Amino acid sequence: MSAHQLHPHPRSAALREWLRTHAEFLRPWTGRLFRFQTLAYPAPKDVLSGRGAKDRGGRWNPPGLATLYGSTTDTTALEECKANDRYYGVVTTSPRLLVAIEARLDRVLDLSDVSIRRSLGVTLEELASEDWRKLLNAHRESFGQALGRAVAEAGGHGLLARSATVARGLNVAIFTQQMTTTTRLSLVEGESLAKLAGRTKS
């Protein structure tokens, strides 16, 4: 499925216009994010690609938009990792790998900022409660996906948002295809992950 196969969200055009008139809301962000992932693709280039979300879609991206998801703490990252299993009522017992990523981004929409949410006309509760998986299965773009797409189309590098799973938790969604010469993504202990990737292929 691609973004072109989804019915656009009714506010998608308004979101693009909102960002056009509020370019000041896209601000620099530097920090560390954590993510848990399977051992199937431990190579640094795979970890940083955002390919999985590109193929399947996510809370803040429609299919077709490569997006790297993470959380600003490892505990939030673990709960986010388990959220999909809980949604579908399954228990995953396969091993998971915790990775840490350093990011320097120039244009990020911070949805944890109450002034930005007020301007956008949404609350934390509305953002957290949207069932984007159900909408995706119905081939409909969610509000969050439409907003993420609008950010990317405006030249934004990602967004920050409160976790729908962990109180006060903060998630990061980075649109990896938007990276420029002045932005940076780097894995902590990237050489160790490269060695692990080599061993898993042998």
C-alpha atoms as a PDB file:
ATOM      1  CA  MET A   1       0.000   0.000   0.000  1.00  0.00           C
ATOM      2  CA  SER A   2       1.166   3.530  -0.751  1.00  0.00           C
ATOM      3  CA  ALA A   3      -0.024   6.956   0.316  1.00  0.00           C
ATOM      4  CA  HIS A   4      -1.700   7.274  -3.087  1.00  0.00           C
ATOM      5  CA  GLN A   5      -3.939   4.311  -2.206  1.00  0.00           C
ATOM      6  CA  LEU A   6      -5.286   6.062   0.906  1.00  0.00           C
ATOM      7  CA  HIS A   7      -8.223   8.423   0.955  1.00  0.00           C
ATOM      8  CA  PRO A   8      -6.608  11.706   2.067  1.00  0.00           C
ATOM      9  CA  HIS A   9      -7.646  13.043   5.443  1.00  0.00           C
ATOM     10  CA  PRO A  10     -10.271  15.815   5.148  1.00  0.00           C
ATOM     11  CA  ARG A  11      -7.886  18.309   6.765  1.00  0.00           C
ATOM     12  CA  SER A  12      -4.847  17.466   4.646  1.00  0.00           C
ATOM     13  CA  ALA A  13      -5.030  20.623   2.505  1.00  0.00           C
ATOM     14  CA  ALA A  14      -5.674  22.776   5.584  1.00  0.00           C
ATOM     15  CA  LEU A  15      -2.661  21.241   7.338  1.00  0.00           C
ATOM     16  CA  ARG A  16      -0.407  22.123   4.418  1.00  0.00           C
ATOM     17  CA  GLU A  17      -1.722  25.696   4.509  1.00  0.00           C
ATOM     18  CA  TRP A  18      -1.293  25.860   8.294  1.00  0.00           C
ATOM     19  CA  LEU A  19       2.370  24.903   7.996  1.00  0.00           C
ATOM     20  CA  ARG A  20       2.857  27.348   5.138  1.00  0.00           C
ATOM     21  CA  THR A  21       1.671  30.198   7.354  1.00  0.00           C
ATOM     22  CA  HIS A  22       3.415  28.938  10.491  1.00  0.00           C
ATOM     23  CA  ALA A  23       6.895  28.063   9.261  1.00  0.00           C
ATOM     24  CA  GLU A  24       8.213  29.266  12.632  1.00  0.00           C
ATOM     25  CA  PHE A  25       6.815  26.097  14.217  1.00  0.00           C
ATOM     26  CA  LEU A  26       9.466  24.015  12.431  1.00  0.00           C
ATOM     27  CA  ARG A  27      12.396  24.382  14.822  1.00  0.00           C
ATOM     28  CA  PRO A  28      15.834  22.793  15.363  1.00  0.00           C
ATOM     29  CA  TRP A  29      16.018  19.755  17.635  1.00  0.00           C
ATOM     30  CA  THR A  30      19.057  17.858  18.880  1.00  0.00           C
ATOM     31  CA  GLY A  31      18.846  14.807  21.114  1.00  0.00           C
ATOM     32  CA  ARG A  32      19.143  11.077  21.632  1.00  0.00           C
ATOM     33  CA  LEU A  33      16.406   8.613  20.822  1.00  0.00           C
ATOM     34  CA  PHE A  34      16.036   4.917  21.582  1.00  0.00           C
ATOM     35  CA  ARG A  35      14.251   2.150  19.729  1.00  0.00           C
ATOM     36  CA  PHE A  36      13.770  -1.589  20.108  1.00  0.00           C
ATOM     37  CA  GLN A  37      13.782  -3.683  16.963  1.00  0.00           C
ATOM     38  CA  THR A  38      14.097  -7.276  15.830  1.00  0.00           C
ATOM     39  CA  LEU A  39      17.479  -8.826  15.162  1.00  0.00           C
ATOM     40  CA  ALA A  40      16.603  -9.381  11.495  1.00  0.00           C
ATOM     41  CA  TYR A  41      18.137  -6.097  10.282  1.00  0.00           C
ATOM     42  CA  PRO A  42      20.857  -4.946  12.702  1.00  0.00           C
ATOM     43  CA  ALA A  43      23.069  -3.209  10.103  1.00  0.00           C
ATOM     44  CA  PRO A  44      23.355   0.545  10.774  1.00  0.00           C
ATOM     45  CA  LYS A  45      21.996   1.478   7.340  1.00  0.00           C
ATOM     46  CA  ASP A  46      18.905  -0.652   7.963  1.00  0.00           C
ATOM     47  CA  VAL A  47      18.358   0.671  11.491  1.00  0.00           C
ATOM     48  CA  LEU A  48      18.409   4.258  10.239  1.00  0.00           C
ATOM     49  CA  SER A  49      16.480   3.715   7.004  1.00  0.00           C
ATOM     50  CA  GLY A  50      12.882   4.023   8.207  1.00  0.00           C
ATOM     51  CA  ARG A  51      12.042   1.338   5.651  1.00  0.00           C
ATOM     52  CA  GLY A  52       9.677  -0.661   7.849  1.00  0.00           C
ATOM     53  CA  ALA A  53       7.420   2.322   8.495  1.00  0.00           C
ATOM     54  CA  LYS A  54       7.658   3.263   4.827  1.00  0.00           C
ATOM     55  CA  ASP A  55       6.284  -0.135   3.844  1.00  0.00           C
ATOM     56  CA  ARG A  56       3.569  -0.399   6.505  1.00  0.00           C
ATOM     57  CA  GLY A  57       2.763   3.156   7.583  1.00  0.00           C
ATOM     58  CA  GLY A  58       2.729   4.394  11.169  1.00  0.00           C
ATOM     59  CA  ARG A  59       1.064   6.847  13.527  1.00  0.00           C
ATOM     60  CA  TRP A  60       2.840   9.821  11.937  1.00  0.00           C
ATOM     61  CA  ASN A  61       3.491   8.639   8.384  1.00  0.00           C
ATOM     62  CA  PRO A  62       1.425   7.197   5.562  1.00  0.00           C
ATOM     63  CA  PRO A  63       2.925   4.267   3.628  1.00  0.00           C
ATOM     64  CA  GLY A  64       5.564   5.502   1.223  1.00  0.00           C
ATOM     65  CA  LEU A  65       7.136   8.032   3.608  1.00  0.00           C
ATOM     66  CA  ALA A  66      10.269   6.526   5.166  1.00  0.00           C
ATOM     67  CA  THR A  67      10.155   7.280   8.887  1.00  0.00           C
ATOM     68  CA  LEU A  68      12.437   6.378  11.774  1.00  0.00           C
ATOM     69  CA  TYR A  69      10.561   6.085  15.068  1.00  0.00           C
ATOM     70  CA  GLY A  70      12.107   6.300  18.514  1.00  0.00           C
ATOM     71  CA  SER A  71      11.574   7.578  22.051  1.00  0.00           C
ATOM     72  CA  THR A  72      13.653   9.879  24.211  1.00  0.00           C
ATOM     73  CA  THR A  73      13.970   7.208  26.954  1.00  0.00           C
ATOM     74  CA  ASP A  74      14.598   3.484  26.709  1.00  0.00           C
ATOM     75  CA  THR A  75      11.632   2.678  28.969  1.00  0.00           C
ATOM     76  CA  THR A  76       9.231   4.518  26.667  1.00  0.00           C
ATOM     77  CA  ALA A  77      10.812   2.784  23.671  1.00  0.00           C
ATOM     78  CA  LEU A  78      10.131  -0.628  25.228  1.00  0.00           C
ATOM     79  CA  GLU A  79       6.458   0.169  25.845  1.00  0.00           C
ATOM     80  CA  GLU A  80       6.099   1.530  22.325  1.00  0.00           C
ATOM     81  CA  CYS A  81       7.643  -1.660  20.985  1.00  0.00           C
ATOM     82  CA  LYS A  82       4.999  -3.707  22.784  1.00  0.00           C
ATOM     83  CA  ALA A  83       2.077  -1.443  21.872  1.00  0.00           C
ATOM     84  CA  ASN A  84       1.477  -3.063  18.491  1.00  0.00           C
ATOM     85  CA  ASP A  85       1.382  -6.528  20.071  1.00  0.00           C
ATOM     86  CA  ARG A  86      -1.112  -5.350  22.666  1.00  0.00           C
ATOM     87  CA  TYR A  87      -3.289  -3.784  19.990  1.00  0.00           C
ATOM     88  CA  TYR A  88      -3.602  -7.079  18.137  1.00  0.00           C
ATOM     89  CA  GLY A  89      -3.722  -9.189  21.293  1.00  0.00           C
ATOM     90  CA  VAL A  90      -0.561 -11.161  20.570  1.00  0.00           C
ATOM     91  CA  VAL A  91       2.610 -11.872  22.536  1.00  0.00           C
ATOM     92  CA  THR A  92       5.934 -11.619  20.727  1.00  0.00           C
ATOM     93  CA  THR A  93       8.754 -13.659  22.245  1.00  0.00           C
ATOM     94  CA  SER A  94      11.414 -12.983  19.615  1.00  0.00           C
ATOM     95  CA  PRO A  95      14.570 -11.156  20.784  1.00  0.00           C
ATOM     96  CA  ARG A  96      14.710  -7.380  20.519  1.00  0.00           C
ATOM     97  CA  LEU A  97      17.713  -5.121  20.116  1.00  0.00           C
ATOM     98  CA  LEU A  98      17.899  -1.742  21.872  1.00  0.00           C
ATOM     99  CA  VAL A  99      19.677   0.901  19.825  1.00  0.00           C
ATOM    100  CA  ALA A 100      20.468   4.523  20.648  1.00  0.00           C
ATOM    101  CA  ILE A 101      20.602   7.180  17.942  1.00  0.00           C
ATOM    102  CA  GLU A 102      21.992  10.709  18.061  1.00  0.00           C
ATOM    103  CA  ALA A 103      20.008  13.182  15.978  1.00  0.00           C
ATOM    104  CA  ARG A 104      20.536  16.755  14.884  1.00  0.00           C
ATOM    105  CA  LEU A 105      17.588  18.110  12.924  1.00  0.00           C
ATOM    106  CA  ASP A 106      16.862  21.595  11.615  1.00  0.00           C
ATOM    107  CA  ARG A 107      13.082  21.642  11.122  1.00  0.00           C
ATOM    108  CA  VAL A 108      10.964  19.689  13.605  1.00  0.00           C
ATOM    109  CA  LEU A 109       7.333  20.174  14.663  1.00  0.00           C
ATOM    110  CA  ASP A 110       7.082  19.779  18.445  1.00  0.00           C
ATOM    111  CA  LEU A 111       3.566  18.604  19.296  1.00  0.00           C
ATOM    112  CA  SER A 112       4.457  18.514  22.992  1.00  0.00           C
ATOM    113  CA  ASP A 113       4.340  22.330  22.837  1.00  0.00           C
ATOM    114  CA  VAL A 114       0.867  23.376  23.973  1.00  0.00           C
ATOM    115  CA  SER A 115       0.973  26.590  21.936  1.00  0.00           C
ATOM    116  CA  ILE A 116       1.484  24.590  18.743  1.00  0.00           C
ATOM    117  CA  ARG A 117      -1.366  22.222  19.606  1.00  0.00           C
ATOM    118  CA  ARG A 118      -3.664  25.156  20.305  1.00  0.00           C
ATOM    119  CA  SER A 119      -2.806  26.733  16.971  1.00  0.00           C
ATOM    120  CA  LEU A 120      -3.435  23.391  15.295  1.00  0.00           C
ATOM    121  CA  GLY A 121      -6.711  22.937  17.176  1.00  0.00           C
ATOM    122  CA  VAL A 122      -6.021  19.514  18.709  1.00  0.00           C
ATOM    123  CA  THR A 123      -5.516  18.144  22.209  1.00  0.00           C
ATOM    124  CA  LEU A 124      -3.148  15.509  23.541  1.00  0.00           C
ATOM    125  CA  GLU A 125      -6.131  13.235  24.129  1.00  0.00           C
ATOM    126  CA  GLU A 126      -7.305  13.541  20.526  1.00  0.00           C
ATOM    127  CA  LEU A 127      -3.846  12.803  19.159  1.00  0.00           C
ATOM    128  CA  ALA A 128      -3.370   9.793  21.433  1.00  0.00           C
ATOM    129  CA  SER A 129      -6.791   8.259  20.885  1.00  0.00           C
ATOM    130  CA  GLU A 130      -6.783   8.203  17.084  1.00  0.00           C
ATOM    131  CA  ASP A 131      -6.950   4.576  15.876  1.00  0.00           C
ATOM    132  CA  TRP A 132      -4.639   4.997  12.901  1.00  0.00           C
ATOM    133  CA  ARG A 133      -4.322   1.246  12.369  1.00  0.00           C
ATOM    134  CA  LYS A 134      -8.085   0.866  11.900  1.00  0.00           C
ATOM    135  CA  LEU A 135      -8.143   3.804   9.499  1.00  0.00           C
ATOM    136  CA  LEU A 136      -5.171   2.407   7.566  1.00  0.00           C
ATOM    137  CA  ASN A 137      -6.915  -0.952   7.171  1.00  0.00           C
ATOM    138  CA  ALA A 138      -9.876   0.958   5.755  1.00  0.00           C
ATOM    139  CA  HIS A 139      -7.537   2.734   3.285  1.00  0.00           C
ATOM    140  CA  ARG A 140      -8.101   6.077   4.990  1.00  0.00           C
ATOM    141  CA  GLU A 141      -5.351   8.484   5.994  1.00  0.00           C
ATOM    142  CA  SER A 142      -5.340   9.378   9.693  1.00  0.00           C
ATOM    143  CA  PHE A 143      -4.964  12.920  10.995  1.00  0.00           C
ATOM    144  CA  GLY A 144      -1.494  12.069  12.335  1.00  0.00           C
ATOM    145  CA  GLN A 145      -0.397  10.649   8.990  1.00  0.00           C
ATOM    146  CA  ALA A 146      -1.744  13.700   7.150  1.00  0.00           C
ATOM    147  CA  LEU A 147       0.128  15.983   9.554  1.00  0.00           C
ATOM    148  CA  GLY A 148       3.366  14.043   9.148  1.00  0.00           C
ATOM    149  CA  ARG A 149       2.995  14.154   5.372  1.00  0.00           C
ATOM    150  CA  ALA A 150       2.393  17.908   5.519  1.00  0.00           C
ATOM    151  CA  VAL A 151       5.524  18.389   7.635  1.00  0.00           C
ATOM    152  CA  ALA A 152       7.605  16.407   5.141  1.00  0.00           C
ATOM    153  CA  GLU A 153       6.129  18.273   2.180  1.00  0.00           C
ATOM    154  CA  ALA A 154       7.017  21.552   3.914  1.00  0.00           C
ATOM    155  CA  GLY A 155      10.648  20.441   4.100  1.00  0.00           C
ATOM    156  CA  GLY A 156      10.426  19.350   7.730  1.00  0.00           C
ATOM    157  CA  HIS A 157      12.678  16.634   9.120  1.00  0.00           C
ATOM    158  CA  GLY A 158      10.296  15.142  11.672  1.00  0.00           C
ATOM    159  CA  LEU A 159       8.119  15.738  14.669  1.00  0.00           C
ATOM    160  CA  LEU A 160       8.004  15.235  18.430  1.00  0.00           C
ATOM    161  CA  ALA A 161       4.850  13.903  20.066  1.00  0.00           C
ATOM    162  CA  ARG A 162       3.688  12.643  23.429  1.00  0.00           C
ATOM    163  CA  SER A 163       3.509   8.861  23.679  1.00  0.00           C
ATOM    164  CA  ALA A 164       0.025   7.367  23.504  1.00  0.00           C
ATOM    165  CA  THR A 165       1.325   4.545  25.708  1.00  0.00           C
ATOM    166  CA  VAL A 166       3.487   6.131  28.421  1.00  0.00           C
ATOM    167  CA  ALA A 167       2.404   9.145  30.486  1.00  0.00           C
ATOM    168  CA  ARG A 168       4.840  12.027  29.826  1.00  0.00           C
ATOM    169  CA  GLY A 169       6.759   9.832  27.375  1.00  0.00           C
ATOM    170  CA  LEU A 170       8.067  11.606  24.282  1.00  0.00           C
ATOM    171  CA  ASN A 171       8.394  10.020  20.854  1.00  0.00           C
ATOM    172  CA  VAL A 172      10.346  11.152  17.818  1.00  0.00           C
ATOM    173  CA  ALA A 173       9.409  10.512  14.182  1.00  0.00           C
ATOM    174  CA  ILE A 174      12.147  11.362  11.676  1.00  0.00           C
ATOM    175  CA  PHE A 175      11.475  11.483   7.944  1.00  0.00           C
ATOM    176  CA  THR A 176      14.731   9.962   6.764  1.00  0.00           C
ATOM    177  CA  GLN A 177      14.317  10.923   3.116  1.00  0.00           C
ATOM    178  CA  GLN A 178      14.315  14.580   4.207  1.00  0.00           C
ATOM    179  CA  MET A 179      17.830  14.545   5.680  1.00  0.00           C
ATOM    180  CA  THR A 180      20.192  17.212   4.358  1.00  0.00           C
ATOM    181  CA  THR A 181      23.863  18.099   4.623  1.00  0.00           C
ATOM    182  CA  THR A 182      23.173  20.064   7.813  1.00  0.00           C
ATOM    183  CA  THR A 183      21.235  17.305   9.591  1.00  0.00           C
ATOM    184  CA  ARG A 184      22.658  14.174  11.167  1.00  0.00           C
ATOM    185  CA  LEU A 185      21.635  10.710  12.314  1.00  0.00           C
ATOM    186  CA  SER A 186      24.253   8.470  13.899  1.00  0.00           C
ATOM    187  CA  LEU A 187      24.080   5.231  15.823  1.00  0.00           C
ATOM    188  CA  VAL A 188      25.703   4.975  19.223  1.00  0.00           C
ATOM    189  CA  GLU A 189      28.081   1.979  19.008  1.00  0.00           C
ATOM    190  CA  GLY A 190      27.446   1.791  15.286  1.00  0.00           C
ATOM    191  CA  GLU A 191      30.608  -0.242  14.720  1.00  0.00           C
ATOM    192  CA  SER A 192      29.370  -2.899  17.130  1.00  0.00           C
ATOM    193  CA  LEU A 193      26.088  -3.127  15.244  1.00  0.00           C
ATOM    194  CA  ALA A 194      27.964  -3.459  11.959  1.00  0.00           C
ATOM    195  CA  LYS A 195      29.931  -6.379  13.411  1.00  0.00           C
ATOM    196  CA  LEU A 196      26.700  -7.970  14.650  1.00  0.00           C
ATOM    197  CA  ALA A 197      25.194  -7.611  11.184  1.00  0.00           C
ATOM    198  CA  GLY A 198      28.227  -9.361   9.729  1.00  0.00           C
ATOM    199  CA  ARG A 199      27.891 -12.273  12.139  1.00  0.00           C
ATOM    200  CA  THR A 200      24.157 -12.737  11.465  1.00  0.00           C
ATOM    201  CA  LYS A 201      24.865 -13.053   7.732  1.00  0.00           C
ATOM    202  CA  SER A 202      27.507 -15.752   8.208  1.00  0.00           C
END
